[in-house]
């Protein structure tokens, strides 16, 4: 585990492998452990994998001074790449992290070489309907406390597969690492989560979408055919506006493809990286 100081935030990240850089971007209430079964295959294939804990509610270092609006977090990702002097980077993203990566592609494309988007918030689905109330909850007095109480309702979360985000069971210790920082461990982390949630709005992804036609680097859309939140129609719309996109389908998975189908996703990522290594 390493740390980098980005001025307004300190970011912890894991690193493994050597070669061209690949940076992973998880989504809301997840952390670097989301990619634990994907990274070893990518690293062994000859790539340097950097897997940060972004300040999205499952992080351990509070970021009270950081701009945690979606464009602010996208800028934070860009500052992470700059701080480590990374260029021609491949970004692999999931869920909310995919929305942040689309904003990164629109506003800060300079260091990007290629992108892999798994099921992600896109266009007007930021958030999808099941989670649409969370930004409103975060904006009302006491909303952060209510959110913490909701995250403690583990039976309900498990009964719905984390609200249909994961199709297959997530190990208890991994689930704890996703939920405990905001629900029990640190009010400062919960405040970070609340600030991000309060700023979520579809205007950010819709604005990014108007600029994606100018992103000409290779993009892999590795999408789950059974996803209940981000249907295949979103992936097809992204493929239509991105000039150099490839759409590949993944079965037996919901949004958390790195949890549900890590081996298949890792193989797709490695194939994509090898195909476009010099692009």
Protein backbone atom coordinates (compact mmCIF):
# COMPACT_ATOMS: atom_id res chain seq x y z
CA UNK A 1 0.00 0.00 0.00
CA UNK A 2 1.28 3.45 -0.97
CA UNK A 3 0.06 7.02 -0.41
CA UNK A 4 0.28 10.14 -2.56
CA UNK A 5 -0.46 13.68 -1.39
CA UNK A 6 -2.56 15.55 -3.95
CA UNK A 7 -2.79 18.75 -1.91
CA UNK A 8 -6.46 18.62 -0.96
CA UNK A 9 -6.49 14.86 -0.41
CA UNK A 10 -4.19 11.95 0.37
CA UNK A 11 -4.93 8.89 -1.72
CA UNK A 12 -3.93 5.36 -0.77
CA UNK A 13 -3.27 2.95 -3.59
CA UNK A 14 -2.03 -0.55 -4.21
CA UNK A 15 0.51 -1.24 -6.93
CA UNK A 16 1.64 -4.45 -8.62
CA UNK A 17 3.33 -5.46 -11.84
CA UNK A 18 5.63 -3.63 -14.23
CA UNK A 19 4.99 -2.17 -17.66
CA UNK A 20 2.52 0.29 -19.18
CA UNK A 21 0.31 1.84 -16.46
CA UNK A 22 -3.27 0.73 -15.80
CA UNK A 23 -5.27 2.73 -13.23
CA UNK A 24 -8.49 1.34 -11.75
CA UNK A 25 -11.48 3.47 -10.70
CA UNK A 26 -14.12 1.93 -8.43
CA UNK A 27 -17.49 3.47 -7.69
CA UNK A 28 -19.57 4.58 -4.74
CA UNK A 29 -19.16 2.61 -1.49
CA UNK A 30 -16.42 0.43 -2.93
CA UNK A 31 -12.62 0.58 -2.76
CA UNK A 32 -9.53 -0.98 -4.28
CA UNK A 33 -10.61 -4.45 -3.13
CA UNK A 34 -13.25 -4.44 -5.87
CA UNK A 35 -10.42 -5.26 -8.31
CA UNK A 36 -8.64 -7.90 -6.18
CA UNK A 37 -9.42 -10.78 -8.59
CA UNK A 38 -8.78 -8.77 -11.77
CA UNK A 39 -5.45 -7.08 -11.03
CA UNK A 40 -3.26 -10.21 -10.63
CA UNK A 41 -4.06 -11.39 -14.16
CA UNK A 42 -3.45 -7.92 -15.65
CA UNK A 43 -0.19 -7.49 -13.71
CA UNK A 44 1.08 -10.94 -14.69
CA UNK A 45 0.40 -10.07 -18.35
CA UNK A 46 3.03 -7.31 -18.15
CA UNK A 47 1.26 -4.19 -16.93
CA UNK A 48 1.77 -1.85 -13.97
CA UNK A 49 -1.50 -1.83 -12.04
CA UNK A 50 -2.31 1.09 -9.73
CA UNK A 51 -5.46 0.60 -7.67
CA UNK A 52 -6.45 3.62 -5.53
CA UNK A 53 -9.06 4.01 -2.82
CA UNK A 54 -10.96 7.03 -4.13
CA UNK A 55 -12.90 9.18 -1.59
CA UNK A 56 -16.31 7.69 -2.36
CA UNK A 57 -17.36 6.39 1.06
CA UNK A 58 -15.24 3.27 1.53
CA UNK A 59 -11.93 5.10 1.92
CA UNK A 60 -9.99 5.38 5.19
CA UNK A 61 -8.30 8.80 4.89
CA UNK A 62 -10.81 11.67 5.14
CA UNK A 63 -10.62 14.37 2.47
CA UNK A 64 -12.40 17.36 4.08
CA UNK A 65 -10.65 19.92 1.86
CA UNK A 66 -11.18 18.13 -1.46
CA UNK A 67 -13.70 19.10 -4.11
CA UNK A 68 -15.90 15.99 -4.03
CA UNK A 69 -18.32 17.01 -6.74
CA UNK A 70 -18.18 14.57 -9.68
CA UNK A 71 -16.06 16.99 -11.79
CA UNK A 72 -13.90 17.57 -8.71
CA UNK A 73 -13.24 13.85 -8.23
CA UNK A 74 -12.51 13.48 -11.95
CA UNK A 75 -9.96 16.29 -11.57
CA UNK A 76 -8.55 14.45 -8.53
CA UNK A 77 -8.02 11.36 -10.70
CA UNK A 78 -6.19 13.55 -13.22
CA UNK A 79 -4.01 14.96 -10.42
CA UNK A 80 -3.22 11.41 -9.29
CA UNK A 81 -1.98 10.57 -12.81
CA UNK A 82 0.09 13.77 -12.90
CA UNK A 83 1.56 13.27 -9.42
CA UNK A 84 2.86 9.83 -10.43
CA UNK A 85 3.96 11.16 -13.84
CA UNK A 86 1.80 8.65 -15.69
CA UNK A 87 1.18 9.06 -19.40
CA UNK A 88 -0.54 6.92 -22.04
CA UNK A 89 -2.58 5.50 -19.18
CA UNK A 90 -5.30 2.87 -19.45
CA UNK A 91 -8.18 3.58 -17.06
CA UNK A 92 -10.47 0.71 -16.07
CA UNK A 93 -13.69 1.84 -14.37
CA UNK A 94 -16.88 0.47 -12.85
CA UNK A 95 -20.22 1.86 -11.64
CA UNK A 96 -19.94 5.47 -10.37
CA UNK A 97 -16.27 5.30 -11.31
CA UNK A 98 -17.37 4.96 -14.92
CA UNK A 99 -19.26 8.25 -14.70
CA UNK A 100 -16.19 9.92 -13.20
CA UNK A 101 -14.06 8.44 -15.97
CA UNK A 102 -16.40 9.78 -18.65
CA UNK A 103 -16.00 13.23 -17.07
CA UNK A 104 -12.23 12.64 -17.03
CA UNK A 105 -12.33 11.70 -20.74
CA UNK A 106 -14.28 14.88 -21.49
CA UNK A 107 -12.33 17.34 -19.32
CA UNK A 108 -8.85 15.87 -18.78
CA UNK A 109 -8.01 13.49 -21.65
CA UNK A 110 -4.34 14.43 -22.00
CA UNK A 111 -2.82 11.53 -20.05
CA UNK A 112 -5.26 8.88 -21.24
CA UNK A 113 -4.26 6.28 -23.79
CA UNK A 114 -7.28 3.98 -23.66
CA UNK A 115 -10.28 3.28 -21.43
CA UNK A 116 -12.26 0.25 -20.26
CA UNK A 117 -15.78 1.00 -19.05
CA UNK A 118 -17.73 -1.74 -17.31
CA UNK A 119 -21.40 -1.09 -16.33
CA UNK A 120 -21.48 2.55 -15.28
CA UNK A 121 -23.65 5.57 -14.64
CA UNK A 122 -24.08 7.26 -18.02
CA UNK A 123 -26.21 9.92 -19.69
CA UNK A 124 -29.39 10.52 -17.63
CA UNK A 125 -28.71 7.53 -15.34
CA UNK A 126 -26.59 9.24 -12.71
CA UNK A 127 -27.89 7.70 -10.46
CA UNK A 128 -30.18 4.90 -11.72
CA UNK A 129 -33.76 4.97 -10.33
CA UNK A 130 -33.14 2.67 -7.35
CA UNK A 131 -30.54 5.11 -5.98
CA UNK A 132 -32.10 8.35 -7.21
CA UNK A 133 -33.15 9.40 -3.71
CA UNK A 134 -29.62 9.29 -2.27
CA UNK A 135 -28.53 12.77 -3.47
CA UNK A 136 -31.76 14.27 -2.09
CA UNK A 137 -31.23 12.47 1.22
CA UNK A 138 -27.67 13.79 1.45
CA UNK A 139 -28.89 17.37 1.02
CA UNK A 140 -31.33 17.40 3.95
CA UNK A 141 -30.29 18.00 7.60
CA UNK A 142 -29.54 14.67 9.24
CA UNK A 143 -29.31 12.92 5.91
CA UNK A 144 -25.79 11.65 6.53
CA UNK A 145 -26.92 10.01 9.78
CA UNK A 146 -29.87 8.34 8.05
CA UNK A 147 -27.55 7.11 5.32
CA UNK A 148 -25.27 5.57 7.94
CA UNK A 149 -28.22 3.77 9.52
CA UNK A 150 -29.24 2.41 6.11
CA UNK A 151 -25.75 1.05 5.49
CA UNK A 152 -25.97 -0.84 8.77
CA UNK A 153 -29.00 -2.79 7.51
CA UNK A 154 -26.84 -5.63 6.24
CA UNK A 155 -29.67 -8.19 6.00
CA UNK A 156 -31.63 -5.93 3.68
CA UNK A 157 -28.54 -5.18 1.61
CA UNK A 158 -27.72 -8.88 1.30
CA UNK A 159 -31.33 -9.85 0.51
CA UNK A 160 -31.29 -7.50 -2.48
CA UNK A 161 -27.74 -8.36 -3.55
CA UNK A 162 -26.60 -4.89 -2.44
CA UNK A 163 -29.68 -3.54 -4.23
CA UNK A 164 -28.95 -5.74 -7.25
CA UNK A 165 -25.42 -4.44 -7.72
CA UNK A 166 -23.77 -7.85 -7.24
CA UNK A 167 -25.34 -11.06 -8.52
CA UNK A 168 -23.08 -13.38 -6.53
CA UNK A 169 -22.23 -13.15 -2.80
CA UNK A 170 -19.48 -10.75 -1.75
CA UNK A 171 -17.22 -12.11 1.03
CA UNK A 172 -18.01 -10.68 4.45
CA UNK A 173 -14.60 -9.09 4.95
CA UNK A 174 -14.82 -7.34 1.58
CA UNK A 175 -18.35 -6.16 2.26
CA UNK A 176 -17.16 -4.81 5.61
CA UNK A 177 -14.41 -2.85 3.86
CA UNK A 178 -17.07 -1.29 1.60
CA UNK A 179 -19.65 -0.39 4.25
CA UNK A 180 -17.99 0.05 7.65
CA UNK A 181 -15.95 3.22 6.97
CA UNK A 182 -19.13 5.24 6.36
CA UNK A 183 -21.60 3.37 8.54
CA UNK A 184 -19.62 2.90 11.75
CA UNK A 185 -15.96 3.86 11.79
CA UNK A 186 -15.54 7.55 11.01
CA UNK A 187 -18.01 10.45 10.81
CA UNK A 188 -15.48 12.31 8.64
CA UNK A 189 -15.69 9.58 6.00
CA UNK A 190 -19.47 9.74 6.17
CA UNK A 191 -19.29 13.51 5.62
CA UNK A 192 -17.10 12.93 2.54
CA UNK A 193 -19.68 10.48 1.23
CA UNK A 194 -22.49 12.96 1.92
CA UNK A 195 -20.70 15.75 0.06
CA UNK A 196 -20.22 13.58 -2.99
CA UNK A 197 -23.80 12.33 -2.95
CA UNK A 198 -25.20 15.83 -2.57
CA UNK A 199 -23.40 16.89 -5.76
CA UNK A 200 -24.48 13.95 -7.94
CA UNK A 201 -26.62 15.13 -10.84
CA UNK A 202 -27.27 13.79 -14.32
CA UNK A 203 -26.15 17.09 -15.80
CA UNK A 204 -22.54 16.00 -15.19
CA UNK A 205 -22.78 12.84 -17.29
CA UNK A 206 -24.98 14.48 -19.91
CA UNK A 207 -22.44 17.29 -20.31
CA UNK A 208 -19.59 14.79 -20.54
CA UNK A 209 -21.50 12.84 -23.20
CA UNK A 210 -21.59 15.92 -25.45
CA UNK A 211 -17.77 15.86 -25.52
CA UNK A 212 -17.11 12.12 -25.86
CA UNK A 213 -17.28 12.23 -29.65
CA UNK A 214 -13.93 14.02 -29.45
CA UNK A 215 -12.27 11.18 -27.52
CA UNK A 216 -10.63 9.18 -30.31
CA UNK A 217 -8.56 6.74 -28.23
CA UNK A 218 -9.63 3.08 -27.97
CA UNK A 219 -12.46 2.31 -25.55
CA UNK A 220 -13.67 -1.13 -24.48
CA UNK A 221 -17.23 -1.34 -23.19
CA UNK A 222 -17.28 -4.60 -21.19
CA UNK A 223 -20.95 -4.65 -20.20
CA UNK A 224 -23.10 -7.07 -18.21
CA UNK A 225 -26.09 -8.28 -20.20
CA UNK A 226 -28.15 -8.88 -17.03
CA UNK A 227 -27.41 -5.60 -15.28
CA UNK A 228 -30.57 -4.21 -13.71
CA UNK A 229 -29.26 -0.65 -13.28
CA UNK A 230 -27.27 0.02 -16.45
CA UNK A 231 -28.90 -1.82 -19.37
CA UNK A 232 -27.12 -2.71 -22.57
CA UNK A 233 -28.87 0.21 -24.27
CA UNK A 234 -26.56 2.58 -22.35
CA UNK A 235 -23.50 0.74 -23.64
CA UNK A 236 -24.82 0.92 -27.19
CA UNK A 237 -25.40 4.66 -26.85
CA UNK A 238 -21.84 5.11 -25.62
CA UNK A 239 -20.57 2.98 -28.51
CA UNK A 240 -22.49 5.18 -30.94
CA UNK A 241 -20.87 8.43 -29.78
CA UNK A 242 -17.34 7.20 -29.06
CA UNK A 243 -15.33 7.12 -32.32
CA UNK A 244 -13.15 4.13 -31.41
CA UNK A 245 -15.27 1.92 -29.15
CA UNK A 246 -15.74 -1.84 -28.98
CA UNK A 247 -18.68 -3.41 -27.12
CA UNK A 248 -18.29 -6.85 -25.55
CA UNK A 249 -20.92 -8.62 -23.47
CA UNK A 250 -20.48 -10.38 -20.12
CA UNK A 251 -23.12 -12.80 -18.84
CA UNK A 252 -24.11 -13.95 -15.34
CA UNK A 253 -23.29 -10.60 -13.76
CA UNK A 254 -24.83 -7.41 -12.49
CA UNK A 255 -23.08 -4.04 -12.15
CA UNK A 256 -20.13 -5.31 -10.10
CA UNK A 257 -18.54 -7.27 -12.96
CA UNK A 258 -15.17 -7.32 -11.08
CA UNK A 259 -16.96 -9.18 -8.27
CA UNK A 260 -19.25 -11.38 -10.37
CA UNK A 261 -17.05 -12.29 -13.36
CA UNK A 262 -13.46 -11.25 -12.57
CA UNK A 263 -11.73 -13.87 -14.71
CA UNK A 264 -13.71 -13.02 -17.83
CA UNK A 265 -13.24 -9.30 -17.28
CA UNK A 266 -9.49 -9.69 -16.67
CA UNK A 267 -9.12 -11.70 -19.89
CA UNK A 268 -11.00 -9.01 -21.84
CA UNK A 269 -8.85 -6.26 -20.37
CA UNK A 270 -5.60 -8.06 -21.18
CA UNK A 271 -6.74 -8.78 -24.74
CA UNK A 272 -7.75 -5.14 -25.20
CA UNK A 273 -4.46 -3.87 -23.79
CA UNK A 274 -2.40 -6.13 -26.03
CA UNK A 275 -4.43 -5.22 -29.09
CA UNK A 276 -4.05 -1.48 -28.50
CA UNK A 277 -0.66 -1.42 -26.78
CA UNK A 278 0.90 1.00 -29.27
CA UNK A 279 -2.25 2.94 -30.17
